[in-house]
């Protein structure tokens, strides 16, 4: 959930972009963030440890940067900009995804 939604309940196209960034991560890994979080938690030595959503996204984006899919990773990371005005528009996302797909 975008920070502005969590804090003030402010919904906007840019808060939807944050959620779309989550979907881009899920597409990349082929499973939900909940599944990934469960794997992280089961690997932690402390029983019942909980990994914070933003920390999980940061870890996953760092992992994604180790792959050749840099353009996809940078697009995904831009969806998680703290300030809504710093996130791309959906028009920009579509254009960048078309470029990424076209380069394959």
PDB file of N, CA and C in Angstrom:
ATOM      1  N   UNK A   1       0.842  -1.167   0.000  1.00  0.00           N
ATOM      2  CA  UNK A   1       0.000   0.000   0.000  1.00  0.00           C
ATOM      3  C   UNK A   1       0.894   1.239   0.000  1.00  0.00           C
ATOM      4  N   UNK A   2       0.575   2.149  -0.881  1.00  0.00           N
ATOM      5  CA  UNK A   2       1.350   3.380  -0.983  1.00  0.00           C
ATOM      6  C   UNK A   2       1.329   4.132   0.348  1.00  0.00           C
ATOM      7  N   UNK A   3       2.438   4.804   0.685  1.00  0.00           N
ATOM      8  CA  UNK A   3       2.508   5.508   1.970  1.00  0.00           C
ATOM      9  C   UNK A   3       1.375   6.509   2.187  1.00  0.00           C
ATOM     10  N   UNK A   4       1.003   7.245   1.141  1.00  0.00           N
ATOM     11  CA  UNK A   4      -0.052   8.247   1.306  1.00  0.00           C
ATOM     12  C   UNK A   4      -1.415   7.600   1.534  1.00  0.00           C
ATOM     13  N   UNK A   5      -1.593   6.398   1.050  1.00  0.00           N
ATOM     14  CA  UNK A   5      -2.841   5.672   1.297  1.00  0.00           C
ATOM     15  C   UNK A   5      -2.851   5.168   2.736  1.00  0.00           C
ATOM     16  N   UNK A   6      -1.731   4.626   3.171  1.00  0.00           N
ATOM     17  CA  UNK A   6      -1.636   4.105   4.539  1.00  0.00           C
ATOM     18  C   UNK A   6      -1.806   5.214   5.574  1.00  0.00           C
ATOM     19  N   UNK A   7      -1.228   6.384   5.302  1.00  0.00           N
ATOM     20  CA  UNK A   7      -1.271   7.479   6.272  1.00  0.00           C
ATOM     21  C   UNK A   7      -2.572   8.270   6.254  1.00  0.00           C
ATOM     22  N   UNK A   8      -3.026   8.606   5.028  1.00  0.00           N
ATOM     23  CA  UNK A   8      -4.154   9.538   4.930  1.00  0.00           C
ATOM     24  C   UNK A   8      -5.328   9.009   4.112  1.00  0.00           C
ATOM     25  N   UNK A   9      -5.217   7.806   3.606  1.00  0.00           N
ATOM     26  CA  UNK A   9      -6.293   7.250   2.792  1.00  0.00           C
ATOM     27  C   UNK A   9      -6.436   7.919   1.431  1.00  0.00           C
ATOM     28  N   UNK A  10      -5.366   8.582   0.968  1.00  0.00           N
ATOM     29  CA  UNK A  10      -5.393   9.301  -0.312  1.00  0.00           C
ATOM     30  C   UNK A  10      -5.198   8.342  -1.477  1.00  0.00           C
ATOM     31  N   UNK A  11      -6.260   8.106  -2.231  1.00  0.00           N
ATOM     32  CA  UNK A  11      -6.178   7.267  -3.421  1.00  0.00           C
ATOM     33  C   UNK A  11      -6.007   8.148  -4.648  1.00  0.00           C
ATOM     34  N   UNK A  12      -5.161   7.707  -5.574  1.00  0.00           N
ATOM     35  CA  UNK A  12      -4.926   8.456  -6.804  1.00  0.00           C
ATOM     36  C   UNK A  12      -4.333   7.493  -7.832  1.00  0.00           C
ATOM     37  N   UNK A  13      -4.246   7.925  -9.083  1.00  0.00           N
ATOM     38  CA  UNK A  13      -3.570   7.078 -10.068  1.00  0.00           C
ATOM     39  C   UNK A  13      -2.129   6.759  -9.654  1.00  0.00           C
ATOM     40  N   UNK A  14      -1.472   7.683  -8.962  1.00  0.00           N
ATOM     41  CA  UNK A  14      -0.087   7.430  -8.545  1.00  0.00           C
ATOM     42  C   UNK A  14      -0.015   6.424  -7.396  1.00  0.00           C
ATOM     43  N   UNK A  15      -1.056   6.343  -6.566  1.00  0.00           N
ATOM     44  CA  UNK A  15      -1.067   5.283  -5.545  1.00  0.00           C
ATOM     45  C   UNK A  15      -1.335   3.937  -6.220  1.00  0.00           C
ATOM     46  N   UNK A  16      -2.090   3.953  -7.321  1.00  0.00           N
ATOM     47  CA  UNK A  16      -2.289   2.730  -8.100  1.00  0.00           C
ATOM     48  C   UNK A  16      -0.977   2.269  -8.731  1.00  0.00           C
ATOM     49  N   UNK A  17      -0.122   3.220  -9.110  1.00  0.00           N
ATOM     50  CA  UNK A  17       1.192   2.877  -9.669  1.00  0.00           C
ATOM     51  C   UNK A  17       2.010   2.107  -8.636  1.00  0.00           C
ATOM     52  N   UNK A  18       1.938   2.509  -7.365  1.00  0.00           N
ATOM     53  CA  UNK A  18       2.632   1.784  -6.293  1.00  0.00           C
ATOM     54  C   UNK A  18       2.179   0.318  -6.290  1.00  0.00           C
ATOM     55  N   UNK A  19       0.877   0.111  -6.351  1.00  0.00           N
ATOM     56  CA  UNK A  19       0.332  -1.250  -6.366  1.00  0.00           C
ATOM     57  C   UNK A  19       0.763  -2.000  -7.621  1.00  0.00           C
ATOM     58  N   UNK A  20       0.847  -1.294  -8.731  1.00  0.00           N
ATOM     59  CA  UNK A  20       1.299  -1.923  -9.972  1.00  0.00           C
ATOM     60  C   UNK A  20       2.756  -2.367  -9.843  1.00  0.00           C
ATOM     61  N   UNK A  21       3.556  -1.589  -9.121  1.00  0.00           N
ATOM     62  CA  UNK A  21       4.939  -1.994  -8.855  1.00  0.00           C
ATOM     63  C   UNK A  21       4.989  -3.329  -8.128  1.00  0.00           C
ATOM     64  N   UNK A  22       4.065  -3.518  -7.195  1.00  0.00           N
ATOM     65  CA  UNK A  22       3.965  -4.802  -6.495  1.00  0.00           C
ATOM     66  C   UNK A  22       3.679  -5.916  -7.492  1.00  0.00           C
ATOM     67  N   UNK A  23       2.767  -5.668  -8.423  1.00  0.00           N
ATOM     68  CA  UNK A  23       2.452  -6.676  -9.440  1.00  0.00           C
ATOM     69  C   UNK A  23       3.657  -6.967 -10.327  1.00  0.00           C
ATOM     70  N   UNK A  24       4.445  -5.952 -10.655  1.00  0.00           N
ATOM     71  CA  UNK A  24       5.635  -6.172 -11.477  1.00  0.00           C
ATOM     72  C   UNK A  24       6.628  -7.089 -10.766  1.00  0.00           C
ATOM     73  N   UNK A  25       6.771  -6.916  -9.447  1.00  0.00           N
ATOM     74  CA  UNK A  25       7.632  -7.822  -8.676  1.00  0.00           C
ATOM     75  C   UNK A  25       7.061  -9.229  -8.715  1.00  0.00           C
ATOM     76  N   UNK A  26       5.762  -9.357  -8.521  1.00  0.00           N
ATOM     77  CA  UNK A  26       5.125 -10.678  -8.522  1.00  0.00           C
ATOM     78  C   UNK A  26       5.258 -11.349  -9.887  1.00  0.00           C
ATOM     79  N   UNK A  27       5.127 -10.592 -10.977  1.00  0.00           N
ATOM     80  CA  UNK A  27       5.328 -11.156 -12.315  1.00  0.00           C
ATOM     81  C   UNK A  27       6.758 -11.664 -12.467  1.00  0.00           C
ATOM     82  N   UNK A  28       7.708 -10.890 -11.976  1.00  0.00           N
ATOM     83  CA  UNK A  28       9.123 -11.239 -12.105  1.00  0.00           C
ATOM     84  C   UNK A  28       9.429 -12.557 -11.401  1.00  0.00           C
ATOM     85  N   UNK A  29       8.916 -12.709 -10.187  1.00  0.00           N
ATOM     86  CA  UNK A  29       9.212 -13.906  -9.390  1.00  0.00           C
ATOM     87  C   UNK A  29       8.223 -15.043  -9.608  1.00  0.00           C
ATOM     88  N   UNK A  30       7.091 -14.749 -10.210  1.00  0.00           N
ATOM     89  CA  UNK A  30       6.114 -15.795 -10.483  1.00  0.00           C
ATOM     90  C   UNK A  30       5.332 -16.259  -9.272  1.00  0.00           C
ATOM     91  N   UNK A  31       5.263 -15.421  -8.246  1.00  0.00           N
ATOM     92  CA  UNK A  31       4.456 -15.735  -7.062  1.00  0.00           C
ATOM     93  C   UNK A  31       4.114 -14.434  -6.344  1.00  0.00           C
ATOM     94  N   UNK A  32       3.245 -14.530  -5.360  1.00  0.00           N
ATOM     95  CA  UNK A  32       2.804 -13.328  -4.652  1.00  0.00           C
ATOM     96  C   UNK A  32       3.841 -12.877  -3.626  1.00  0.00           C
ATOM     97  N   UNK A  33       3.744 -11.620  -3.239  1.00  0.00           N
ATOM     98  CA  UNK A  33       4.627 -11.117  -2.181  1.00  0.00           C
ATOM     99  C   UNK A  33       4.382 -11.863  -0.876  1.00  0.00           C
ATOM    100  N   UNK A  34       3.146 -12.274  -0.653  1.00  0.00           N
ATOM    101  CA  UNK A  34       2.840 -13.039   0.563  1.00  0.00           C
ATOM    102  C   UNK A  34       3.611 -14.357   0.569  1.00  0.00           C
ATOM    103  N   UNK A  35       3.677 -15.026  -0.595  1.00  0.00           N
ATOM    104  CA  UNK A  35       4.442 -16.273  -0.691  1.00  0.00           C
ATOM    105  C   UNK A  35       5.930 -16.023  -0.454  1.00  0.00           C
ATOM    106  N   UNK A  36       6.434 -14.945  -1.039  1.00  0.00           N
ATOM    107  CA  UNK A  36       7.849 -14.612  -0.864  1.00  0.00           C
ATOM    108  C   UNK A  36       8.129 -14.280   0.595  1.00  0.00           C
ATOM    109  N   UNK A  37       7.259 -13.486   1.214  1.00  0.00           N
ATOM    110  CA  UNK A  37       7.435 -13.120   2.625  1.00  0.00           C
ATOM    111  C   UNK A  37       7.426 -14.359   3.504  1.00  0.00           C
ATOM    112  N   UNK A  38       6.541 -15.305   3.216  1.00  0.00           N
ATOM    113  CA  UNK A  38       6.475 -16.534   4.006  1.00  0.00           C
ATOM    114  C   UNK A  38       7.784 -17.305   3.905  1.00  0.00           C
ATOM    115  N   UNK A  39       8.396 -17.295   2.724  1.00  0.00           N
ATOM    116  CA  UNK A  39       9.684 -17.968   2.542  1.00  0.00           C
ATOM    117  C   UNK A  39      10.761 -17.276   3.365  1.00  0.00           C
ATOM    118  N   UNK A  40      10.781 -15.933   3.333  1.00  0.00           N
ATOM    119  CA  UNK A  40      11.756 -15.187   4.125  1.00  0.00           C
ATOM    120  C   UNK A  40      11.575 -15.471   5.611  1.00  0.00           C
ATOM    121  N   UNK A  41      10.341 -15.433   6.070  1.00  0.00           N
ATOM    122  CA  UNK A  41      10.061 -15.639   7.495  1.00  0.00           C
ATOM    123  C   UNK A  41      10.468 -17.040   7.920  1.00  0.00           C
ATOM    124  N   UNK A  42      10.191 -18.041   7.085  1.00  0.00           N
ATOM    125  CA  UNK A  42      10.549 -19.412   7.458  1.00  0.00           C
ATOM    126  C   UNK A  42      12.061 -19.596   7.499  1.00  0.00           C
ATOM    127  N   UNK A  43      12.800 -18.742   6.778  1.00  0.00           N
ATOM    128  CA  UNK A  43      14.255 -18.843   6.780  1.00  0.00           C
ATOM    129  C   UNK A  43      14.892 -18.090   7.948  1.00  0.00           C
ATOM    130  N   UNK A  44      14.117 -17.266   8.637  1.00  0.00           N
ATOM    131  CA  UNK A  44      14.657 -16.504   9.761  1.00  0.00           C
ATOM    132  C   UNK A  44      14.750 -17.377  11.005  1.00  0.00           C
ATOM    133  N   UNK A  45      15.796 -17.186  11.796  1.00  0.00           N
ATOM    134  CA  UNK A  45      15.961 -18.022  12.985  1.00  0.00           C
ATOM    135  C   UNK A  45      14.945 -17.748  14.092  1.00  0.00           C
ATOM    136  N   UNK A  46      14.384 -16.559  14.115  1.00  0.00           N
ATOM    137  CA  UNK A  46      13.445 -16.210  15.175  1.00  0.00           C
ATOM    138  C   UNK A  46      12.040 -16.624  14.748  1.00  0.00           C
ATOM    139  N   UNK A  47      11.410 -17.463  15.531  1.00  0.00           N
ATOM    140  CA  UNK A  47      10.063 -17.918  15.207  1.00  0.00           C
ATOM    141  C   UNK A  47       9.091 -16.750  15.325  1.00  0.00           C
ATOM    142  N   UNK A  48       8.245 -16.606  14.335  1.00  0.00           N
ATOM    143  CA  UNK A  48       7.245 -15.540  14.353  1.00  0.00           C
ATOM    144  C   UNK A  48       7.772 -14.199  13.878  1.00  0.00           C
ATOM    145  N   UNK A  49       8.996 -14.151  13.374  1.00  0.00           N
ATOM    146  CA  UNK A  49       9.533 -12.888  12.867  1.00  0.00           C
ATOM    147  C   UNK A  49       8.709 -12.437  11.671  1.00  0.00           C
ATOM    148  N   UNK A  50       8.552 -11.139  11.552  1.00  0.00           N
ATOM    149  CA  UNK A  50       7.757 -10.589  10.457  1.00  0.00           C
ATOM    150  C   UNK A  50       8.630  -9.639   9.662  1.00  0.00           C
ATOM    151  N   UNK A  51       8.605  -9.797   8.359  1.00  0.00           N
ATOM    152  CA  UNK A  51       9.393  -8.891   7.523  1.00  0.00           C
ATOM    153  C   UNK A  51       8.486  -7.762   7.029  1.00  0.00           C
ATOM    154  N   UNK A  52       8.959  -6.565   7.152  1.00  0.00           N
ATOM    155  CA  UNK A  52       8.209  -5.381   6.757  1.00  0.00           C
ATOM    156  C   UNK A  52       8.083  -5.320   5.231  1.00  0.00           C
ATOM    157  N   UNK A  53       6.920  -4.908   4.750  1.00  0.00           N
ATOM    158  CA  UNK A  53       6.620  -4.867   3.317  1.00  0.00           C
ATOM    159  C   UNK A  53       7.667  -4.066   2.540  1.00  0.00           C
ATOM    160  N   UNK A  54       7.977  -2.848   2.992  1.00  0.00           N
ATOM    161  CA  UNK A  54       8.931  -2.016   2.260  1.00  0.00           C
ATOM    162  C   UNK A  54      10.316  -2.631   2.262  1.00  0.00           C
ATOM    163  N   UNK A  55      10.700  -3.243   3.364  1.00  0.00           N
ATOM    164  CA  UNK A  55      12.011  -3.897   3.432  1.00  0.00           C
ATOM    165  C   UNK A  55      12.052  -5.074   2.462  1.00  0.00           C
ATOM    166  N   UNK A  56      10.969  -5.827   2.393  1.00  0.00           N
ATOM    167  CA  UNK A  56      10.899  -6.954   1.472  1.00  0.00           C
ATOM    168  C   UNK A  56      11.035  -6.470   0.029  1.00  0.00           C
ATOM    169  N   UNK A  57      10.322  -5.419  -0.329  1.00  0.00           N
ATOM    170  CA  UNK A  57      10.416  -4.880  -1.687  1.00  0.00           C
ATOM    171  C   UNK A  57      11.834  -4.422  -1.997  1.00  0.00           C
ATOM    172  N   UNK A  58      12.486  -3.781  -1.039  1.00  0.00           N
ATOM    173  CA  UNK A  58      13.866  -3.338  -1.230  1.00  0.00           C
ATOM    174  C   UNK A  58      14.781  -4.528  -1.474  1.00  0.00           C
ATOM    175  N   UNK A  59      14.647  -5.574  -0.666  1.00  0.00           N
ATOM    176  CA  UNK A  59      15.468  -6.779  -0.849  1.00  0.00           C
ATOM    177  C   UNK A  59      15.230  -7.408  -2.217  1.00  0.00           C
ATOM    178  N   UNK A  60      13.982  -7.470  -2.625  1.00  0.00           N
ATOM    179  CA  UNK A  60      13.660  -8.079  -3.919  1.00  0.00           C
ATOM    180  C   UNK A  60      14.188  -7.237  -5.076  1.00  0.00           C
ATOM    181  N   UNK A  61      14.075  -5.915  -4.976  1.00  0.00           N
ATOM    182  CA  UNK A  61      14.603  -5.047  -6.027  1.00  0.00           C
ATOM    183  C   UNK A  61      16.121  -5.175  -6.116  1.00  0.00           C
ATOM    184  N   UNK A  62      16.797  -5.285  -4.976  1.00  0.00           N
ATOM    185  CA  UNK A  62      18.249  -5.492  -4.983  1.00  0.00           C
ATOM    186  C   UNK A  62      18.586  -6.813  -5.669  1.00  0.00           C
ATOM    187  N   UNK A  63      17.805  -7.842  -5.402  1.00  0.00           N
ATOM    188  CA  UNK A  63      18.005  -9.139  -6.044  1.00  0.00           C
ATOM    189  C   UNK A  63      17.754  -9.037  -7.552  1.00  0.00           C
ATOM    190  N   UNK A  64      16.708  -8.327  -7.934  1.00  0.00           N
ATOM    191  CA  UNK A  64      16.383  -8.170  -9.352  1.00  0.00           C
ATOM    192  C   UNK A  64      17.501  -7.450 -10.102  1.00  0.00           C
ATOM    193  N   UNK A  65      18.207  -6.536  -9.438  1.00  0.00           N
ATOM    194  CA  UNK A  65      19.305  -5.808 -10.083  1.00  0.00           C
ATOM    195  C   UNK A  65      20.475  -6.722 -10.430  1.00  0.00           C
ATOM    196  N   UNK A  66      20.531  -7.896  -9.832  1.00  0.00           N
ATOM    197  CA  UNK A  66      21.601  -8.857 -10.123  1.00  0.00           C
ATOM    198  C   UNK A  66      21.318  -9.652 -11.401  1.00  0.00           C
ATOM    199  N   UNK A  67      20.189  -9.386 -12.027  1.00  0.00           N
ATOM    200  CA  UNK A  67      19.815 -10.090 -13.252  1.00  0.00           C
ATOM    201  C   UNK A  67      20.033  -9.166 -14.446  1.00  0.00           C
ATOM    202  N   UNK A  68      19.951  -9.698 -15.660  1.00  0.00           N
ATOM    203  CA  UNK A  68      20.115  -8.835 -16.836  1.00  0.00           C
ATOM    204  C   UNK A  68      18.908  -7.935 -17.117  1.00  0.00           C
ATOM    205  N   UNK A  69      17.864  -8.047 -16.337  1.00  0.00           N
ATOM    206  CA  UNK A  69      16.624  -7.303 -16.589  1.00  0.00           C
ATOM    207  C   UNK A  69      16.641  -5.924 -15.933  1.00  0.00           C
ATOM    208  N   UNK A  70      17.699  -5.149 -16.185  1.00  0.00           N
ATOM    209  CA  UNK A  70      17.854  -3.858 -15.505  1.00  0.00           C
ATOM    210  C   UNK A  70      16.742  -2.863 -15.825  1.00  0.00           C
ATOM    211  N   UNK A  71      16.340  -2.779 -17.075  1.00  0.00           N
ATOM    212  CA  UNK A  71      15.301  -1.807 -17.440  1.00  0.00           C
ATOM    213  C   UNK A  71      13.995  -2.121 -16.713  1.00  0.00           C
ATOM    214  N   UNK A  72      13.653  -3.400 -16.636  1.00  0.00           N
ATOM    215  CA  UNK A  72      12.436  -3.824 -15.934  1.00  0.00           C
ATOM    216  C   UNK A  72      12.557  -3.498 -14.446  1.00  0.00           C
ATOM    217  N   UNK A  73      13.726  -3.769 -13.874  1.00  0.00           N
ATOM    218  CA  UNK A  73      13.944  -3.508 -12.452  1.00  0.00           C
ATOM    219  C   UNK A  73      13.860  -2.015 -12.150  1.00  0.00           C
ATOM    220  N   UNK A  74      14.469  -1.191 -12.989  1.00  0.00           N
ATOM    221  CA  UNK A  74      14.426   0.258 -12.763  1.00  0.00           C
ATOM    222  C   UNK A  74      13.002   0.790 -12.890  1.00  0.00           C
ATOM    223  N   UNK A  75      12.242   0.263 -13.847  1.00  0.00           N
ATOM    224  CA  UNK A  75      10.838   0.652 -13.979  1.00  0.00           C
ATOM    225  C   UNK A  75      10.072   0.265 -12.721  1.00  0.00           C
ATOM    226  N   UNK A  76      10.290  -0.962 -12.268  1.00  0.00           N
ATOM    227  CA  UNK A  76       9.614  -1.443 -11.059  1.00  0.00           C
ATOM    228  C   UNK A  76       9.972  -0.568  -9.862  1.00  0.00           C
ATOM    229  N   UNK A  77      11.252  -0.283  -9.690  1.00  0.00           N
ATOM    230  CA  UNK A  77      11.698   0.541  -8.562  1.00  0.00           C
ATOM    231  C   UNK A  77      11.072   1.935  -8.613  1.00  0.00           C
ATOM    232  N   UNK A  78      10.907   2.488  -9.812  1.00  0.00           N
ATOM    233  CA  UNK A  78      10.331   3.835  -9.922  1.00  0.00           C
ATOM    234  C   UNK A  78       8.885   3.881  -9.428  1.00  0.00           C
ATOM    235  N   UNK A  79       8.204   2.751  -9.467  1.00  0.00           N
ATOM    236  CA  UNK A  79       6.819   2.691  -8.980  1.00  0.00           C
ATOM    237  C   UNK A  79       6.743   2.860  -7.462  1.00  0.00           C
ATOM    238  N   UNK A  80       7.870   2.635  -6.771  1.00  0.00           N
ATOM    239  CA  UNK A  80       7.901   2.713  -5.312  1.00  0.00           C
ATOM    240  C   UNK A  80       8.509   4.011  -4.787  1.00  0.00           C
ATOM    241  N   UNK A  81       8.591   5.031  -5.629  1.00  0.00           N
ATOM    242  CA  UNK A  81       9.102   6.322  -5.156  1.00  0.00           C
ATOM    243  C   UNK A  81       8.237   6.794  -3.987  1.00  0.00           C
ATOM    244  N   UNK A  82       8.866   7.273  -2.904  1.00  0.00           N
ATOM    245  CA  UNK A  82       8.093   7.692  -1.726  1.00  0.00           C
ATOM    246  C   UNK A  82       7.067   8.776  -2.035  1.00  0.00           C
ATOM    247  N   UNK A  83       7.443   9.740  -2.855  1.00  0.00           N
ATOM    248  CA  UNK A  83       6.509  10.812  -3.212  1.00  0.00           C
ATOM    249  C   UNK A  83       5.703  10.430  -4.442  1.00  0.00           C
ATOM    250  N   UNK A  84       4.382  10.533  -4.380  1.00  0.00           N
ATOM    251  CA  UNK A  84       3.552  10.145  -5.524  1.00  0.00           C
ATOM    252  C   UNK A  84       3.936  10.860  -6.823  1.00  0.00           C
ATOM    253  N   UNK A  85       4.310  12.142  -6.716  1.00  0.00           N
ATOM    254  CA  UNK A  85       4.677  12.915  -7.909  1.00  0.00           C
ATOM    255  C   UNK A  85       5.962  12.412  -8.566  1.00  0.00           C
ATOM    256  N   UNK A  86       6.741  11.587  -7.847  1.00  0.00           N
ATOM    257  CA  UNK A  86       7.977  11.028  -8.399  1.00  0.00           C
ATOM    258  C   UNK A  86       7.766   9.673  -9.072  1.00  0.00           C
ATOM    259  N   UNK A  87       6.557   9.128  -8.975  1.00  0.00           N
ATOM    260  CA  UNK A  87       6.256   7.847  -9.620  1.00  0.00           C
ATOM    261  C   UNK A  87       5.853   8.096 -11.070  1.00  0.00           C
ATOM    262  N   UNK A  88       6.117   7.120 -11.941  1.00  0.00           N
ATOM    263  CA  UNK A  88       5.723   7.307 -13.341  1.00  0.00           C
ATOM    264  C   UNK A  88       4.206   7.267 -13.499  1.00  0.00           C
ATOM    265  N   UNK A  89       3.739   7.820 -14.599  1.00  0.00           N
ATOM    266  CA  UNK A  89       2.325   7.687 -14.947  1.00  0.00           C
ATOM    267  C   UNK A  89       2.136   6.320 -15.605  1.00  0.00           C
ATOM    268  N   UNK A  90       0.890   5.881 -15.720  1.00  0.00           N
ATOM    269  CA  UNK A  90       0.642   4.617 -16.406  1.00  0.00           C
ATOM    270  C   UNK A  90       1.021   4.711 -17.883  1.00  0.00           C
ATOM    271  N   UNK A  91       0.872   5.885 -18.463  1.00  0.00           N
ATOM    272  CA  UNK A  91       1.289   6.078 -19.854  1.00  0.00           C
ATOM    273  C   UNK A  91       2.786   5.815 -19.996  1.00  0.00           C
ATOM    274  N   UNK A  92       3.576   6.341 -19.074  1.00  0.00           N
ATOM    275  CA  UNK A  92       5.018   6.119 -19.088  1.00  0.00           C
ATOM    276  C   UNK A  92       5.339   4.647 -18.868  1.00  0.00           C
ATOM    277  N   UNK A  93       4.631   4.007 -17.952  1.00  0.00           N
ATOM    278  CA  UNK A  93       4.858   2.583 -17.682  1.00  0.00           C
ATOM    279  C   UNK A  93       4.607   1.759 -18.942  1.00  0.00           C
ATOM    280  N   UNK A  94       3.499   2.028 -19.623  1.00  0.00           N
ATOM    281  CA  UNK A  94       3.171   1.284 -20.847  1.00  0.00           C
ATOM    282  C   UNK A  94       4.256   1.491 -21.901  1.00  0.00           C
ATOM    283  N   UNK A  95       4.681   2.732 -22.087  1.00  0.00           N
ATOM    284  CA  UNK A  95       5.732   3.032 -23.065  1.00  0.00           C
ATOM    285  C   UNK A  95       7.011   2.278 -22.732  1.00  0.00           C
ATOM    286  N   UNK A  96       7.405   2.289 -21.461  1.00  0.00           N
ATOM    287  CA  UNK A  96       8.637   1.607 -21.067  1.00  0.00           C
ATOM    288  C   UNK A  96       8.511   0.096 -21.210  1.00  0.00           C
ATOM    289  N   UNK A  97       7.354  -0.459 -20.862  1.00  0.00           N
ATOM    290  CA  UNK A  97       7.157  -1.903 -21.027  1.00  0.00           C
ATOM    291  C   UNK A  97       7.208  -2.290 -22.507  1.00  0.00           C
ATOM    292  N   UNK A  98       6.640  -1.463 -23.377  1.00  0.00           N
ATOM    293  CA  UNK A  98       6.711  -1.730 -24.817  1.00  0.00           C
ATOM    294  C   UNK A  98       8.157  -1.721 -25.296  1.00  0.00           C
ATOM    295  N   UNK A  99       8.958  -0.790 -24.790  1.00  0.00           N
ATOM    296  CA  UNK A  99      10.374  -0.733 -25.163  1.00  0.00           C
ATOM    297  C   UNK A  99      11.117  -1.966 -24.656  1.00  0.00           C
ATOM    298  N   UNK A 100      10.817  -2.377 -23.435  1.00  0.00           N
ATOM    299  CA  UNK A 100      11.472  -3.555 -22.855  1.00  0.00           C
ATOM    300  C   UNK A 100      11.122  -4.798 -23.667  1.00  0.00           C
ATOM    301  N   UNK A 101       9.845  -4.959 -23.981  1.00  0.00           N
ATOM    302  CA  UNK A 101       9.404  -6.123 -24.755  1.00  0.00           C
ATOM    303  C   UNK A 101       9.987  -6.070 -26.169  1.00  0.00           C
ATOM    304  N   UNK A 102      10.039  -4.881 -26.738  1.00  0.00           N
ATOM    305  CA  UNK A 102      10.587  -4.720 -28.084  1.00  0.00           C
ATOM    306  C   UNK A 102      12.065  -5.023 -28.177  1.00  0.00           C
ATOM    307  N   UNK A 103      12.778  -4.913 -27.068  1.00  0.00           N
ATOM    308  CA  UNK A 103      14.222  -5.165 -27.077  1.00  0.00           C
ATOM    309  C   UNK A 103      14.561  -6.644 -26.884  1.00  0.00           C
ATOM    310  N   UNK A 104      13.548  -7.459 -26.664  1.00  0.00           N
ATOM    311  CA  UNK A 104      13.794  -8.900 -26.450  1.00  0.00           C
ATOM    312  C   UNK A 104      14.015  -9.623 -27.756  1.00  0.00           C
TER     313      UNK A 104
END
